[in-house]
Each structure stands twice: as structure tokens, then as C-alpha cells.
Amino acid sequence: AATLTADTPGFGTRRSTSVWVRAGILAHEATIADKESIDAALRLRAGFPMGPFELADYTGLDVGLHASDYMANRLGEAYRPAASMRALVDKGMLGKKTGRGFYEWKDGRAAIALSADQAKSFDPALVLSLVVNEATKPLEQGVASATDIDMACRQGLAFPQGPFEWADAVGVDEVLKNLY
């Protein structure tokens, strides 16, 4: 069982998810890749059950917006939700529950087809490195150990690896290269 040594908004899991979703959306807003390629890369290359756009839609864009605003007000602008998420919420496009968000939803599923070719056009390390960077904050604040944060991300968020496990696998140079 995880041992928490301090309390913080979002603990490691919501903070990691917020950064993961925001990083994917910001990469799209910066025209680094389209949303389907980002979701494909994180699902097909990195092993996540959903990409950031599909997950944001699935959990509700209004819920993600509220949680991100809460954390931004307490932890800083790095948690502020992306503009495109706010724009969709303002239009009443909340994701799965309204049938439209970043994607259209039919029969409880996002109406997208992701391919291996799409997955090749975006490097998931661009998002995952930001998650590692975020995971260091609750670690440094004494909220939980690296092992606890990894376990919480694997078991609570269905991450294929915890952020520190991923960083260990690819090496610190890869993480730093993607942060700067």
C-alpha cells in the first residue's frame, strides 16, 4: 500500500493526468501533430489504453476543465487547461456524455480509427517527459515516494509504466532532451 507523507491538490495521479492531457492538447495546438496521431502514438507506441484526447472526452471535458482550473489556482499555470478544451466546454461539447468533444462519440465509443502510420508521426516521449517532470514535484515535496507514484499511475490510471519507471527505461538524457 502507498504511504502518503503529505497532502497536495491532485496528489500524483490527477497531476500526472492533467499534465499528460494538457501536453497532448498543446502539441496539437502548436501544430506539432494532429490529435489522432498524438492519440495513436500514446496508445499504439507507448501502450496507454487511450490517448489524451480520447481520455479527456471520456472523462468529460467539463470535469477536466474544473479539475485543471482548481489545480492551476493552487499549484500554478502549468496546470491551466488548454484553450481548445475551454472552447469546447464553452460550446457545450463535453465529450462522450454529449456525443461530441475532441471527437464524435457513437455507441459509447470515440468514432476514430487510429493507425500505426499515424502513430509514427508523433513521439510519445514529448508527452511522457513532461509527466516525469511533473511526477518529480510531489516526490520533492515529500508527498509520496517514486515507487508509490509509479504504482498509483499504473494501478489508478492504467499507465503501462509509472513515470519514474519509464524515465529509468529511456534514460535521463531522453527525458531532458524533451523538456528543453
C-alpha atoms as a PDB file:
ATOM      1  CA  ALA A   1       0.000   0.000   0.000  1.00  0.00           C
ATOM      2  CA  ALA A   2       1.150   3.502  -0.802  1.00  0.00           C
ATOM      3  CA  THR A   3       2.293   5.652   2.074  1.00  0.00           C
ATOM      4  CA  LEU A   4       1.428   9.322   1.752  1.00  0.00           C
ATOM      5  CA  THR A   5       3.614  11.631   3.763  1.00  0.00           C
ATOM      6  CA  ALA A   6       1.943  14.930   2.803  1.00  0.00           C
ATOM      7  CA  ASP A   7      -1.259  16.243   1.275  1.00  0.00           C
ATOM      8  CA  THR A   8      -1.381  18.167  -2.002  1.00  0.00           C
ATOM      9  CA  PRO A   9      -4.027  19.048  -4.585  1.00  0.00           C
ATOM     10  CA  GLY A  10      -4.321  16.257  -7.121  1.00  0.00           C
ATOM     11  CA  PHE A  11      -1.721  14.002  -5.464  1.00  0.00           C
ATOM     12  CA  GLY A  12       0.490  12.424  -8.146  1.00  0.00           C
ATOM     13  CA  THR A  13      -2.236  10.840 -10.251  1.00  0.00           C
ATOM     14  CA  ARG A  14      -4.507  13.760 -11.118  1.00  0.00           C
ATOM     15  CA  ARG A  15      -1.470  15.985 -11.505  1.00  0.00           C
ATOM     16  CA  SER A  16       0.132  13.455 -13.878  1.00  0.00           C
ATOM     17  CA  THR A  17      -3.085  13.013 -15.848  1.00  0.00           C
ATOM     18  CA  SER A  18      -3.623  16.760 -16.142  1.00  0.00           C
ATOM     19  CA  VAL A  19      -0.114  17.301 -17.459  1.00  0.00           C
ATOM     20  CA  TRP A  20      -0.420  14.276 -19.788  1.00  0.00           C
ATOM     21  CA  VAL A  21      -3.695  15.555 -21.311  1.00  0.00           C
ATOM     22  CA  ARG A  22      -2.522  19.178 -21.444  1.00  0.00           C
ATOM     23  CA  ALA A  23       0.772  18.236 -23.111  1.00  0.00           C
ATOM     24  CA  GLY A  24      -1.050  16.291 -25.822  1.00  0.00           C
ATOM     25  CA  ILE A  25      -3.503  19.115 -26.446  1.00  0.00           C
ATOM     26  CA  LEU A  26      -0.774  21.771 -26.503  1.00  0.00           C
ATOM     27  CA  ALA A  27       1.237  19.705 -29.012  1.00  0.00           C
ATOM     28  CA  HIS A  28      -1.854  19.708 -31.228  1.00  0.00           C
ATOM     29  CA  GLU A  29      -2.473  23.432 -30.711  1.00  0.00           C
ATOM     30  CA  ALA A  30       1.160  24.109 -31.673  1.00  0.00           C
ATOM     31  CA  THR A  31       0.556  22.056 -34.854  1.00  0.00           C
ATOM     32  CA  ILE A  32       3.224  19.520 -33.936  1.00  0.00           C
ATOM     33  CA  ALA A  33       0.765  16.755 -34.807  1.00  0.00           C
ATOM     34  CA  ASP A  34      -2.942  16.184 -35.277  1.00  0.00           C
ATOM     35  CA  LYS A  35      -4.944  14.787 -32.371  1.00  0.00           C
ATOM     36  CA  GLU A  36      -5.368  11.386 -33.994  1.00  0.00           C
ATOM     37  CA  SER A  37      -1.599  10.983 -34.400  1.00  0.00           C
ATOM     38  CA  ILE A  38      -0.979  12.005 -30.792  1.00  0.00           C
ATOM     39  CA  ASP A  39      -3.606   9.561 -29.509  1.00  0.00           C
ATOM     40  CA  ALA A  40      -2.300   6.838 -31.844  1.00  0.00           C
ATOM     41  CA  ALA A  41       1.288   7.318 -30.659  1.00  0.00           C
ATOM     42  CA  LEU A  42       0.351   7.152 -26.986  1.00  0.00           C
ATOM     43  CA  ARG A  43      -1.903   4.130 -27.486  1.00  0.00           C
ATOM     44  CA  LEU A  44      -0.043   2.114 -30.102  1.00  0.00           C
ATOM     45  CA  ARG A  45       3.582   3.029 -29.369  1.00  0.00           C
ATOM     46  CA  ALA A  46       3.514   3.787 -25.647  1.00  0.00           C
ATOM     47  CA  GLY A  47       0.822   1.289 -24.597  1.00  0.00           C
ATOM     48  CA  PHE A  48      -1.767   3.541 -22.996  1.00  0.00           C
ATOM     49  CA  PRO A  49      -5.400   2.370 -23.143  1.00  0.00           C
ATOM     50  CA  MET A  50      -6.455   5.799 -24.509  1.00  0.00           C
ATOM     51  CA  GLY A  51      -4.712   8.855 -25.831  1.00  0.00           C
ATOM     52  CA  PRO A  52      -5.083  12.237 -24.129  1.00  0.00           C
ATOM     53  CA  PHE A  53      -7.896  13.496 -26.382  1.00  0.00           C
ATOM     54  CA  GLU A  54      -9.951  10.334 -26.081  1.00  0.00           C
ATOM     55  CA  LEU A  55      -9.408  10.222 -22.305  1.00  0.00           C
ATOM     56  CA  ALA A  56     -10.377  13.884 -21.873  1.00  0.00           C
ATOM     57  CA  ASP A  57     -13.572  13.241 -23.842  1.00  0.00           C
ATOM     58  CA  TYR A  58     -14.280  10.016 -21.974  1.00  0.00           C
ATOM     59  CA  THR A  59     -13.997  11.554 -18.507  1.00  0.00           C
ATOM     60  CA  GLY A  60     -15.777  14.768 -19.503  1.00  0.00           C
ATOM     61  CA  LEU A  61     -14.144  17.950 -20.723  1.00  0.00           C
ATOM     62  CA  ASP A  62     -16.067  19.957 -18.131  1.00  0.00           C
ATOM     63  CA  VAL A  63     -14.736  17.736 -15.338  1.00  0.00           C
ATOM     64  CA  GLY A  64     -11.161  18.019 -16.642  1.00  0.00           C
ATOM     65  CA  LEU A  65     -11.528  21.774 -17.032  1.00  0.00           C
ATOM     66  CA  HIS A  66     -12.774  22.196 -13.467  1.00  0.00           C
ATOM     67  CA  ALA A  67     -10.025  19.966 -12.018  1.00  0.00           C
ATOM     68  CA  SER A  68      -7.308  21.709 -14.030  1.00  0.00           C
ATOM     69  CA  ASP A  69      -8.535  25.185 -13.060  1.00  0.00           C
ATOM     70  CA  TYR A  70      -8.575  24.115  -9.406  1.00  0.00           C
ATOM     71  CA  MET A  71      -5.002  22.841  -9.583  1.00  0.00           C
ATOM     72  CA  ALA A  72      -3.805  25.857 -11.591  1.00  0.00           C
ATOM     73  CA  ASN A  73      -5.199  28.174  -8.928  1.00  0.00           C
ATOM     74  CA  ARG A  74      -3.333  26.258  -6.222  1.00  0.00           C
ATOM     75  CA  LEU A  75      -0.213  24.947  -7.946  1.00  0.00           C
ATOM     76  CA  GLY A  76       0.499  27.298 -10.853  1.00  0.00           C
ATOM     77  CA  GLU A  77      -0.065  27.975 -14.508  1.00  0.00           C
ATOM     78  CA  ALA A  78       1.480  24.678 -15.658  1.00  0.00           C
ATOM     79  CA  TYR A  79      -1.892  23.108 -14.815  1.00  0.00           C
ATOM     80  CA  ARG A  80      -4.058  25.663 -16.633  1.00  0.00           C
ATOM     81  CA  PRO A  81      -6.257  23.839 -19.143  1.00  0.00           C
ATOM     82  CA  ALA A  82      -5.530  24.267 -22.833  1.00  0.00           C
ATOM     83  CA  ALA A  83      -7.540  26.889 -24.718  1.00  0.00           C
ATOM     84  CA  SER A  84      -9.136  24.359 -27.069  1.00  0.00           C
ATOM     85  CA  MET A  85     -10.524  22.389 -24.111  1.00  0.00           C
ATOM     86  CA  ARG A  86     -12.091  25.531 -22.651  1.00  0.00           C
ATOM     87  CA  ALA A  87     -13.534  26.464 -26.069  1.00  0.00           C
ATOM     88  CA  LEU A  88     -15.213  23.065 -26.427  1.00  0.00           C
ATOM     89  CA  VAL A  89     -16.724  23.292 -22.928  1.00  0.00           C
ATOM     90  CA  ASP A  90     -17.986  26.811 -23.680  1.00  0.00           C
ATOM     91  CA  LYS A  91     -19.796  25.345 -26.734  1.00  0.00           C
ATOM     92  CA  GLY A  92     -21.363  22.574 -24.615  1.00  0.00           C
ATOM     93  CA  MET A  93     -19.208  19.941 -26.296  1.00  0.00           C
ATOM     94  CA  LEU A  94     -18.277  17.925 -23.223  1.00  0.00           C
ATOM     95  CA  GLY A  95     -17.101  14.676 -24.813  1.00  0.00           C
ATOM     96  CA  LYS A  96     -18.735  11.283 -24.505  1.00  0.00           C
ATOM     97  CA  LYS A  97     -21.667  12.490 -22.392  1.00  0.00           C
ATOM     98  CA  THR A  98     -22.818  14.945 -25.074  1.00  0.00           C
ATOM     99  CA  GLY A  99     -21.689  12.900 -28.072  1.00  0.00           C
ATOM    100  CA  ARG A 100     -19.066  15.431 -29.134  1.00  0.00           C
ATOM    101  CA  GLY A 101     -15.852  16.845 -27.735  1.00  0.00           C
ATOM    102  CA  PHE A 102     -12.476  16.489 -29.388  1.00  0.00           C
ATOM    103  CA  TYR A 103     -14.087  13.519 -31.173  1.00  0.00           C
ATOM    104  CA  GLU A 104     -17.574  12.423 -32.077  1.00  0.00           C
ATOM    105  CA  TRP A 105     -18.906   9.579 -29.905  1.00  0.00           C
ATOM    106  CA  LYS A 106     -21.215   6.820 -31.105  1.00  0.00           C
ATOM    107  CA  ASP A 107     -22.498   3.899 -29.058  1.00  0.00           C
ATOM    108  CA  GLY A 108     -20.245   4.873 -26.160  1.00  0.00           C
ATOM    109  CA  ARG A 109     -17.049   4.882 -28.249  1.00  0.00           C
ATOM    110  CA  ALA A 110     -14.995   7.578 -29.904  1.00  0.00           C
ATOM    111  CA  ALA A 111     -15.608   7.490 -33.639  1.00  0.00           C
ATOM    112  CA  ILE A 112     -11.928   7.304 -34.585  1.00  0.00           C
ATOM    113  CA  ALA A 113      -9.711   4.788 -36.264  1.00  0.00           C
ATOM    114  CA  LEU A 114      -6.089   5.016 -35.223  1.00  0.00           C
ATOM    115  CA  SER A 115      -3.340   3.514 -37.354  1.00  0.00           C
ATOM    116  CA  ALA A 116       0.290   2.543 -36.942  1.00  0.00           C
ATOM    117  CA  ASP A 117       1.169   5.086 -39.648  1.00  0.00           C
ATOM    118  CA  GLN A 118      -0.409   7.877 -37.589  1.00  0.00           C
ATOM    119  CA  ALA A 119       1.453   6.685 -34.500  1.00  0.00           C
ATOM    120  CA  LYS A 120       4.797   7.093 -36.294  1.00  0.00           C
ATOM    121  CA  SER A 121       4.278  10.831 -36.803  1.00  0.00           C
ATOM    122  CA  PHE A 122       4.414  11.801 -33.111  1.00  0.00           C
ATOM    123  CA  ASP A 123       6.979  10.914 -30.469  1.00  0.00           C
ATOM    124  CA  PRO A 124       5.181   9.968 -27.235  1.00  0.00           C
ATOM    125  CA  ALA A 125       8.330  10.932 -25.312  1.00  0.00           C
ATOM    126  CA  LEU A 126       7.341  14.580 -25.825  1.00  0.00           C
ATOM    127  CA  VAL A 127       4.344  13.995 -23.536  1.00  0.00           C
ATOM    128  CA  LEU A 128       5.855  11.379 -21.240  1.00  0.00           C
ATOM    129  CA  SER A 129       8.867  13.537 -20.399  1.00  0.00           C
ATOM    130  CA  LEU A 130       6.526  16.235 -19.125  1.00  0.00           C
ATOM    131  CA  VAL A 131       4.755  13.646 -16.963  1.00  0.00           C
ATOM    132  CA  VAL A 132       8.112  12.607 -15.481  1.00  0.00           C
ATOM    133  CA  ASN A 133       8.928  16.236 -14.793  1.00  0.00           C
ATOM    134  CA  GLU A 134       5.560  16.665 -13.078  1.00  0.00           C
ATOM    135  CA  ALA A 135       5.984  13.487 -11.018  1.00  0.00           C
ATOM    136  CA  THR A 136       9.184  14.896  -9.526  1.00  0.00           C
ATOM    137  CA  LYS A 137       7.230  17.703  -7.849  1.00  0.00           C
ATOM    138  CA  PRO A 138       5.189  15.600  -5.385  1.00  0.00           C
ATOM    139  CA  LEU A 139       8.307  13.471  -4.880  1.00  0.00           C
ATOM    140  CA  GLU A 140      10.364  16.544  -3.952  1.00  0.00           C
ATOM    141  CA  GLN A 141       7.539  17.834  -1.739  1.00  0.00           C
ATOM    142  CA  GLY A 142       7.548  14.605   0.232  1.00  0.00           C
ATOM    143  CA  VAL A 143       4.018  13.670  -0.829  1.00  0.00           C
ATOM    144  CA  ALA A 144       4.978  10.112  -1.775  1.00  0.00           C
ATOM    145  CA  SER A 145       7.916   8.010  -2.907  1.00  0.00           C
ATOM    146  CA  ALA A 146       8.802   7.352  -6.545  1.00  0.00           C
ATOM    147  CA  THR A 147       7.635   3.765  -6.079  1.00  0.00           C
ATOM    148  CA  ASP A 148       4.271   4.950  -4.742  1.00  0.00           C
ATOM    149  CA  ILE A 149       3.799   7.450  -7.575  1.00  0.00           C
ATOM    150  CA  ASP A 150       4.664   4.781 -10.164  1.00  0.00           C
ATOM    151  CA  MET A 151       2.254   2.316  -8.572  1.00  0.00           C
ATOM    152  CA  ALA A 152      -0.540   4.906  -8.372  1.00  0.00           C
ATOM    153  CA  CYS A 153      -0.107   5.772 -12.065  1.00  0.00           C
ATOM    154  CA  ARG A 154      -0.079   2.092 -13.102  1.00  0.00           C
ATOM    155  CA  GLN A 155      -2.948   0.937 -10.911  1.00  0.00           C
ATOM    156  CA  GLY A 156      -5.051   4.086 -10.715  1.00  0.00           C
ATOM    157  CA  LEU A 157      -4.554   5.460 -14.216  1.00  0.00           C
ATOM    158  CA  ALA A 158      -3.713   2.306 -16.211  1.00  0.00           C
ATOM    159  CA  PHE A 159      -0.377   3.784 -17.285  1.00  0.00           C
ATOM    160  CA  PRO A 160       1.703   0.977 -18.830  1.00  0.00           C
ATOM    161  CA  GLN A 161       4.649   2.149 -16.687  1.00  0.00           C
ATOM    162  CA  GLY A 162       4.915   4.656 -13.899  1.00  0.00           C
ATOM    163  CA  PRO A 163       6.663   7.908 -14.821  1.00  0.00           C
ATOM    164  CA  PHE A 164       9.874   7.033 -12.975  1.00  0.00           C
ATOM    165  CA  GLU A 165       9.903   3.509 -14.422  1.00  0.00           C
ATOM    166  CA  TRP A 166       9.602   4.991 -17.924  1.00  0.00           C
ATOM    167  CA  ALA A 167      12.357   7.523 -17.191  1.00  0.00           C
ATOM    168  CA  ASP A 168      14.625   4.739 -15.942  1.00  0.00           C
ATOM    169  CA  ALA A 169      13.943   2.738 -19.109  1.00  0.00           C
ATOM    170  CA  VAL A 170      14.700   5.548 -21.577  1.00  0.00           C
ATOM    171  CA  GLY A 171      17.333   7.383 -19.540  1.00  0.00           C
ATOM    172  CA  VAL A 172      17.506  10.841 -18.075  1.00  0.00           C
ATOM    173  CA  ASP A 173      19.108  12.283 -21.237  1.00  0.00           C
ATOM    174  CA  GLU A 174      15.998  11.393 -23.257  1.00  0.00           C
ATOM    175  CA  VAL A 175      13.737  13.000 -20.667  1.00  0.00           C
ATOM    176  CA  LEU A 176      15.822  16.181 -20.503  1.00  0.00           C
ATOM    177  CA  LYS A 177      16.074  16.421 -24.304  1.00  0.00           C
ATOM    178  CA  ASN A 178      12.290  16.621 -24.498  1.00  0.00           C
ATOM    179  CA  LEU A 179      11.939  19.205 -21.756  1.00  0.00           C
ATOM    180  CA  TYR A 180      14.206  21.845 -23.278  1.00  0.00           C
END
